[in-house]
Amino acid sequence: YLRAKIKDVKLDFKIINSKNDDIIQL
């Protein structure tokens, strides 16, 4: 999707364990 949407985009994608991340919990 991002390659098609935005040229030369750099995607930093991570699956986060909510136990260890306040923002995921929020």
PDB file of all heavy atoms in Angstrom:
ATOM      1  N   TYR A   1       0.825  -1.208   0.000  1.00  0.00           N
ATOM      2  CA  TYR A   1       0.000   0.000   0.000  1.00  0.00           C
ATOM      3  C   TYR A   1       0.860   1.259   0.000  1.00  0.00           C
ATOM      4  O   TYR A   1       0.633   2.184  -0.793  1.00  0.00           O
ATOM      5  CB  TYR A   1      -0.928  -0.013   1.219  1.00  0.00           C
ATOM      6  CG  TYR A   1      -1.652   1.291   1.440  1.00  0.00           C
ATOM      7  CD1 TYR A   1      -2.843   1.566   0.773  1.00  0.00           C
ATOM      8  CD2 TYR A   1      -1.124   2.253   2.294  1.00  0.00           C
ATOM      9  CE1 TYR A   1      -3.503   2.774   0.955  1.00  0.00           C
ATOM     10  CE2 TYR A   1      -1.771   3.467   2.471  1.00  0.00           C
ATOM     11  CZ  TYR A   1      -2.950   3.718   1.807  1.00  0.00           C
ATOM     12  OH  TYR A   1      -3.590   4.922   1.990  1.00  0.00           O
ATOM     13  N   LEU A   2       1.856   1.299   0.868  1.00  0.00           N
ATOM     14  CA  LEU A   2       2.680   2.495   0.988  1.00  0.00           C
ATOM     15  C   LEU A   2       3.562   2.715  -0.231  1.00  0.00           C
ATOM     16  O   LEU A   2       3.804   3.854  -0.632  1.00  0.00           O
ATOM     17  CB  LEU A   2       3.533   2.425   2.259  1.00  0.00           C
ATOM     18  CG  LEU A   2       2.744   2.572   3.569  1.00  0.00           C
ATOM     19  CD1 LEU A   2       3.630   2.285   4.761  1.00  0.00           C
ATOM     20  CD2 LEU A   2       2.147   3.974   3.678  1.00  0.00           C
ATOM     21  N   ARG A   3       4.031   1.627  -0.834  1.00  0.00           N
ATOM     22  CA  ARG A   3       4.825   1.772  -2.068  1.00  0.00           C
ATOM     23  C   ARG A   3       3.980   2.389  -3.180  1.00  0.00           C
ATOM     24  O   ARG A   3       4.468   3.185  -3.981  1.00  0.00           O
ATOM     25  CB  ARG A   3       5.388   0.421  -2.509  1.00  0.00           C
ATOM     26  CG  ARG A   3       6.677   0.039  -1.796  1.00  0.00           C
ATOM     27  CD  ARG A   3       7.400  -1.063  -2.552  1.00  0.00           C
ATOM     28  NE  ARG A   3       6.655  -2.308  -2.555  1.00  0.00           N
ATOM     29  CZ  ARG A   3       6.855  -3.302  -1.695  1.00  0.00           C
ATOM     30  NH1 ARG A   3       7.780  -3.187  -0.755  1.00  0.00           N
ATOM     31  NH2 ARG A   3       6.146  -4.408  -1.768  1.00  0.00           N
ATOM     32  N   ALA A   4       2.707   2.006  -3.216  1.00  0.00           N
ATOM     33  CA  ALA A   4       1.814   2.554  -4.232  1.00  0.00           C
ATOM     34  C   ALA A   4       1.359   3.974  -3.901  1.00  0.00           C
ATOM     35  O   ALA A   4       1.142   4.796  -4.794  1.00  0.00           O
ATOM     36  CB  ALA A   4       0.589   1.652  -4.383  1.00  0.00           C
ATOM     37  N   LYS A   5       1.245   4.264  -2.611  1.00  0.00           N
ATOM     38  CA  LYS A   5       0.713   5.547  -2.158  1.00  0.00           C
ATOM     39  C   LYS A   5       1.770   6.645  -2.169  1.00  0.00           C
ATOM     40  O   LYS A   5       1.519   7.775  -2.600  1.00  0.00           O
ATOM     41  CB  LYS A   5       0.143   5.392  -0.743  1.00  0.00           C
ATOM     42  CG  LYS A   5      -0.406   6.655  -0.115  1.00  0.00           C
ATOM     43  CD  LYS A   5      -1.761   7.006  -0.644  1.00  0.00           C
ATOM     44  CE  LYS A   5      -2.337   8.226   0.072  1.00  0.00           C
ATOM     45  NZ  LYS A   5      -3.624   8.646  -0.482  1.00  0.00           N
ATOM     46  N   ILE A   6       2.955   6.331  -1.666  1.00  0.00           N
ATOM     47  CA  ILE A   6       4.003   7.336  -1.507  1.00  0.00           C
ATOM     48  C   ILE A   6       5.302   6.803  -2.092  1.00  0.00           C
ATOM     49  O   ILE A   6       5.804   5.762  -1.663  1.00  0.00           O
ATOM     50  CB  ILE A   6       4.224   7.685  -0.016  1.00  0.00           C
ATOM     51  CG1 ILE A   6       2.897   8.075   0.653  1.00  0.00           C
ATOM     52  CG2 ILE A   6       5.233   8.810   0.127  1.00  0.00           C
ATOM     53  CD1 ILE A   6       3.003   8.263   2.147  1.00  0.00           C
ATOM     54  N   LYS A   7       5.861   7.513  -3.031  1.00  0.00           N
ATOM     55  CA  LYS A   7       7.115   7.086  -3.642  1.00  0.00           C
ATOM     56  C   LYS A   7       8.268   7.256  -2.658  1.00  0.00           C
ATOM     57  O   LYS A   7       8.334   8.227  -1.915  1.00  0.00           O
ATOM     58  CB  LYS A   7       7.385   7.905  -4.907  1.00  0.00           C
ATOM     59  CG  LYS A   7       6.444   7.572  -6.053  1.00  0.00           C
ATOM     60  CD  LYS A   7       6.834   8.348  -7.305  1.00  0.00           C
ATOM     61  CE  LYS A   7       5.912   7.972  -8.465  1.00  0.00           C
ATOM     62  NZ  LYS A   7       6.273   8.707  -9.693  1.00  0.00           N
ATOM     63  N   ASP A   8       9.173   6.277  -2.680  1.00  0.00           N
ATOM     64  CA  ASP A   8      10.385   6.309  -1.852  1.00  0.00           C
ATOM     65  C   ASP A   8      10.084   6.407  -0.356  1.00  0.00           C
ATOM     66  O   ASP A   8      10.872   6.945   0.409  1.00  0.00           O
ATOM     67  CB  ASP A   8      11.290   7.481  -2.261  1.00  0.00           C
ATOM     68  CG  ASP A   8      11.694   7.401  -3.725  1.00  0.00           C
ATOM     69  OD1 ASP A   8      11.975   6.280  -4.189  1.00  0.00           O
ATOM     70  OD2 ASP A   8      11.708   8.451  -4.385  1.00  0.00           O
ATOM     71  N   VAL A   9       8.933   5.897   0.039  1.00  0.00           N
ATOM     72  CA  VAL A   9       8.605   5.921   1.463  1.00  0.00           C
ATOM     73  C   VAL A   9       9.411   4.861   2.200  1.00  0.00           C
ATOM     74  O   VAL A   9       9.669   3.774   1.678  1.00  0.00           O
ATOM     75  CB  VAL A   9       7.095   5.678   1.691  1.00  0.00           C
ATOM     76  CG1 VAL A   9       6.700   4.268   1.286  1.00  0.00           C
ATOM     77  CG2 VAL A   9       6.719   5.913   3.146  1.00  0.00           C
ATOM     78  N   LYS A  10       9.818   5.204   3.392  1.00  0.00           N
ATOM     79  CA  LYS A  10      10.515   4.244   4.248  1.00  0.00           C
ATOM     80  C   LYS A  10       9.555   3.831   5.357  1.00  0.00           C
ATOM     81  O   LYS A  10       9.182   4.633   6.201  1.00  0.00           O
ATOM     82  CB  LYS A  10      11.775   4.858   4.839  1.00  0.00           C
ATOM     83  CG  LYS A  10      12.579   3.884   5.686  1.00  0.00           C
ATOM     84  CD  LYS A  10      13.835   4.537   6.231  1.00  0.00           C
ATOM     85  CE  LYS A  10      14.618   3.549   7.107  1.00  0.00           C
ATOM     86  NZ  LYS A  10      15.842   4.193   7.669  1.00  0.00           N
ATOM     87  N   LEU A  11       9.149   2.571   5.329  1.00  0.00           N
ATOM     88  CA  LEU A  11       8.208   2.069   6.327  1.00  0.00           C
ATOM     89  C   LEU A  11       8.949   1.406   7.465  1.00  0.00           C
ATOM     90  O   LEU A  11       9.763   0.510   7.268  1.00  0.00           O
ATOM     91  CB  LEU A  11       7.245   1.057   5.687  1.00  0.00           C
ATOM     92  CG  LEU A  11       6.324   0.298   6.659  1.00  0.00           C
ATOM     93  CD1 LEU A  11       5.374   1.254   7.366  1.00  0.00           C
ATOM     94  CD2 LEU A  11       5.547  -0.785   5.931  1.00  0.00           C
ATOM     95  N   ASP A  12       8.643   1.870   8.661  1.00  0.00           N
ATOM     96  CA  ASP A  12       9.146   1.242   9.885  1.00  0.00           C
ATOM     97  C   ASP A  12       7.925   0.658  10.586  1.00  0.00           C
ATOM     98  O   ASP A  12       7.154   1.380  11.210  1.00  0.00           O
ATOM     99  CB  ASP A  12       9.844   2.292  10.751  1.00  0.00           C
ATOM    100  CG  ASP A  12      10.338   1.726  12.080  1.00  0.00           C
ATOM    101  OD1 ASP A  12      10.136   0.525  12.331  1.00  0.00           O
ATOM    102  OD2 ASP A  12      10.900   2.491  12.873  1.00  0.00           O
ATOM    103  N   PHE A  13       7.737  -0.649  10.433  1.00  0.00           N
ATOM    104  CA  PHE A  13       6.535  -1.303  10.955  1.00  0.00           C
ATOM    105  C   PHE A  13       6.920  -2.304  12.041  1.00  0.00           C
ATOM    106  O   PHE A  13       7.813  -3.130  11.858  1.00  0.00           O
ATOM    107  CB  PHE A  13       5.805  -2.036   9.826  1.00  0.00           C
ATOM    108  CG  PHE A  13       4.617  -2.842  10.292  1.00  0.00           C
ATOM    109  CD1 PHE A  13       3.408  -2.228  10.537  1.00  0.00           C
ATOM    110  CD2 PHE A  13       4.724  -4.214  10.482  1.00  0.00           C
ATOM    111  CE1 PHE A  13       2.312  -2.972  10.964  1.00  0.00           C
ATOM    112  CE2 PHE A  13       3.638  -4.962  10.912  1.00  0.00           C
ATOM    113  CZ  PHE A  13       2.429  -4.335  11.156  1.00  0.00           C
ATOM    114  N   LYS A  14       6.226  -2.230  13.180  1.00  0.00           N
ATOM    115  CA  LYS A  14       6.506  -3.162  14.264  1.00  0.00           C
ATOM    116  C   LYS A  14       5.210  -3.591  14.935  1.00  0.00           C
ATOM    117  O   LYS A  14       4.288  -2.804  15.091  1.00  0.00           O
ATOM    118  CB  LYS A  14       7.432  -2.523  15.307  1.00  0.00           C
ATOM    119  CG  LYS A  14       8.861  -2.320  14.841  1.00  0.00           C
ATOM    120  CD  LYS A  14       9.726  -1.736  15.948  1.00  0.00           C
ATOM    121  CE  LYS A  14      11.163  -1.514  15.471  1.00  0.00           C
ATOM    122  NZ  LYS A  14      12.001  -0.889  16.525  1.00  0.00           N
ATOM    123  N   ILE A  15       5.192  -4.864  15.312  1.00  0.00           N
ATOM    124  CA  ILE A  15       4.138  -5.391  16.174  1.00  0.00           C
ATOM    125  C   ILE A  15       4.614  -5.222  17.608  1.00  0.00           C
ATOM    126  O   ILE A  15       5.704  -5.659  17.969  1.00  0.00           O
ATOM    127  CB  ILE A  15       3.874  -6.881  15.889  1.00  0.00           C
ATOM    128  CG1 ILE A  15       3.527  -7.104  14.405  1.00  0.00           C
ATOM    129  CG2 ILE A  15       2.791  -7.418  16.800  1.00  0.00           C
ATOM    130  CD1 ILE A  15       2.196  -6.565  13.976  1.00  0.00           C
ATOM    131  N   ILE A  16       3.806  -4.564  18.416  1.00  0.00           N
ATOM    132  CA  ILE A  16       4.220  -4.220  19.771  1.00  0.00           C
ATOM    133  C   ILE A  16       3.387  -4.979  20.802  1.00  0.00           C
ATOM    134  O   ILE A  16       2.158  -5.047  20.697  1.00  0.00           O
ATOM    135  CB  ILE A  16       4.062  -2.703  20.017  1.00  0.00           C
ATOM    136  CG1 ILE A  16       4.896  -1.895  19.009  1.00  0.00           C
ATOM    137  CG2 ILE A  16       4.457  -2.344  21.441  1.00  0.00           C
ATOM    138  CD1 ILE A  16       6.379  -2.059  19.151  1.00  0.00           C
ATOM    139  N   ASN A  17       4.060  -5.534  21.782  1.00  0.00           N
ATOM    140  CA  ASN A  17       3.363  -6.136  22.922  1.00  0.00           C
ATOM    141  C   ASN A  17       2.845  -5.005  23.807  1.00  0.00           C
ATOM    142  O   ASN A  17       3.622  -4.209  24.330  1.00  0.00           O
ATOM    143  CB  ASN A  17       4.341  -7.027  23.701  1.00  0.00           C
ATOM    144  CG  ASN A  17       3.650  -7.788  24.819  1.00  0.00           C
ATOM    145  OD1 ASN A  17       2.634  -7.352  25.360  1.00  0.00           O
ATOM    146  ND2 ASN A  17       4.201  -8.927  25.184  1.00  0.00           N
ATOM    147  N   SER A  18       1.549  -4.932  23.949  1.00  0.00           N
ATOM    148  CA  SER A  18       0.950  -3.813  24.675  1.00  0.00           C
ATOM    149  C   SER A  18       1.416  -3.722  26.128  1.00  0.00           C
ATOM    150  O   SER A  18       1.419  -2.641  26.717  1.00  0.00           O
ATOM    151  CB  SER A  18      -0.580  -3.904  24.629  1.00  0.00           C
ATOM    152  OG  SER A  18      -1.036  -5.102  25.221  1.00  0.00           O
ATOM    153  N   LYS A  19       1.818  -4.831  26.694  1.00  0.00           N
ATOM    154  CA  LYS A  19       2.298  -4.818  28.084  1.00  0.00           C
ATOM    155  C   LYS A  19       3.490  -3.898  28.267  1.00  0.00           C
ATOM    156  O   LYS A  19       3.724  -3.365  29.351  1.00  0.00           O
ATOM    157  CB  LYS A  19       2.678  -6.232  28.527  1.00  0.00           C
ATOM    158  CG  LYS A  19       1.516  -7.071  28.994  1.00  0.00           C
ATOM    159  CD  LYS A  19       2.027  -8.351  29.637  1.00  0.00           C
ATOM    160  CE  LYS A  19       0.864  -9.131  30.249  1.00  0.00           C
ATOM    161  NZ  LYS A  19       1.340 -10.351  30.949  1.00  0.00           N
ATOM    162  N   ASN A  20       4.257  -3.741  27.194  1.00  0.00           N
ATOM    163  CA  ASN A  20       5.507  -2.984  27.278  1.00  0.00           C
ATOM    164  C   ASN A  20       5.440  -1.614  26.621  1.00  0.00           C
ATOM    165  O   ASN A  20       6.472  -0.968  26.447  1.00  0.00           O
ATOM    166  CB  ASN A  20       6.639  -3.792  26.615  1.00  0.00           C
ATOM    167  CG  ASN A  20       6.784  -5.168  27.208  1.00  0.00           C
ATOM    168  OD1 ASN A  20       6.659  -5.353  28.415  1.00  0.00           O
ATOM    169  ND2 ASN A  20       7.032  -6.160  26.367  1.00  0.00           N
ATOM    170  N   ASP A  21       4.242  -1.156  26.275  1.00  0.00           N
ATOM    171  CA  ASP A  21       4.161   0.105  25.541  1.00  0.00           C
ATOM    172  C   ASP A  21       2.946   0.928  25.987  1.00  0.00           C
ATOM    173  O   ASP A  21       1.801   0.546  25.761  1.00  0.00           O
ATOM    174  CB  ASP A  21       4.085  -0.163  24.031  1.00  0.00           C
ATOM    175  CG  ASP A  21       4.336   1.079  23.212  1.00  0.00           C
ATOM    176  OD1 ASP A  21       3.450   1.949  23.173  1.00  0.00           O
ATOM    177  OD2 ASP A  21       5.426   1.192  22.609  1.00  0.00           O
ATOM    178  N   ASP A  22       3.208   2.075  26.606  1.00  0.00           N
ATOM    179  CA  ASP A  22       2.142   2.934  27.117  1.00  0.00           C
ATOM    180  C   ASP A  22       1.256   3.486  26.011  1.00  0.00           C
ATOM    181  O   ASP A  22       0.048   3.666  26.203  1.00  0.00           O
ATOM    182  CB  ASP A  22       2.745   4.114  27.895  1.00  0.00           C
ATOM    183  CG  ASP A  22       3.361   3.698  29.224  1.00  0.00           C
ATOM    184  OD1 ASP A  22       2.950   2.649  29.754  1.00  0.00           O
ATOM    185  OD2 ASP A  22       4.235   4.425  29.727  1.00  0.00           O
ATOM    186  N   ILE A  23       1.842   3.775  24.834  1.00  0.00           N
ATOM    187  CA  ILE A  23       1.052   4.401  23.775  1.00  0.00           C
ATOM    188  C   ILE A  23       0.111   3.385  23.126  1.00  0.00           C
ATOM    189  O   ILE A  23      -1.018   3.730  22.756  1.00  0.00           O
ATOM    190  CB  ILE A  23       1.953   5.056  22.705  1.00  0.00           C
ATOM    191  CG1 ILE A  23       3.048   5.892  23.370  1.00  0.00           C
ATOM    192  CG2 ILE A  23       1.108   5.928  21.780  1.00  0.00           C
ATOM    193  CD1 ILE A  23       2.544   7.005  24.259  1.00  0.00           C
ATOM    194  N   ILE A  24       0.556   2.150  22.980  1.00  0.00           N
ATOM    195  CA  ILE A  24      -0.342   1.097  22.497  1.00  0.00           C
ATOM    196  C   ILE A  24      -1.495   0.911  23.479  1.00  0.00           C
ATOM    197  O   ILE A  24      -2.659   0.741  23.080  1.00  0.00           O
ATOM    198  CB  ILE A  24       0.423  -0.230  22.295  1.00  0.00           C
ATOM    199  CG1 ILE A  24       1.276  -0.166  21.023  1.00  0.00           C
ATOM    200  CG2 ILE A  24      -0.535  -1.408  22.205  1.00  0.00           C
ATOM    201  CD1 ILE A  24       0.486  -0.211  19.722  1.00  0.00           C
ATOM    202  N   GLN A  25      -1.209   0.965  24.760  1.00  0.00           N
ATOM    203  CA  GLN A  25      -2.261   0.851  25.767  1.00  0.00           C
ATOM    204  C   GLN A  25      -3.240   2.012  25.660  1.00  0.00           C
ATOM    205  O   GLN A  25      -4.463   1.822  25.744  1.00  0.00           O
ATOM    206  CB  GLN A  25      -1.643   0.818  27.165  1.00  0.00           C
ATOM    207  CG  GLN A  25      -0.840  -0.440  27.452  1.00  0.00           C
ATOM    208  CD  GLN A  25      -0.128  -0.379  28.788  1.00  0.00           C
ATOM    209  OE1 GLN A  25      -0.614   0.216  29.747  1.00  0.00           O
ATOM    210  NE2 GLN A  25       1.040  -0.998  28.876  1.00  0.00           N
ATOM    211  N   LEU A  26      -2.705   3.210  25.460  1.00  0.00           N
ATOM    212  CA  LEU A  26      -3.577   4.378  25.296  1.00  0.00           C
ATOM    213  C   LEU A  26      -4.433   4.235  24.040  1.00  0.00           C
ATOM    214  O   LEU A  26      -5.624   4.581  24.044  1.00  0.00           O
ATOM    215  CB  LEU A  26      -2.725   5.650  25.210  1.00  0.00           C
ATOM    216  CG  LEU A  26      -3.507   6.949  24.946  1.00  0.00           C
ATOM    217  CD1 LEU A  26      -4.458   7.252  26.098  1.00  0.00           C
ATOM    218  CD2 LEU A  26      -2.546   8.110  24.715  1.00  0.00           C
TER     219      LEU A  26
END
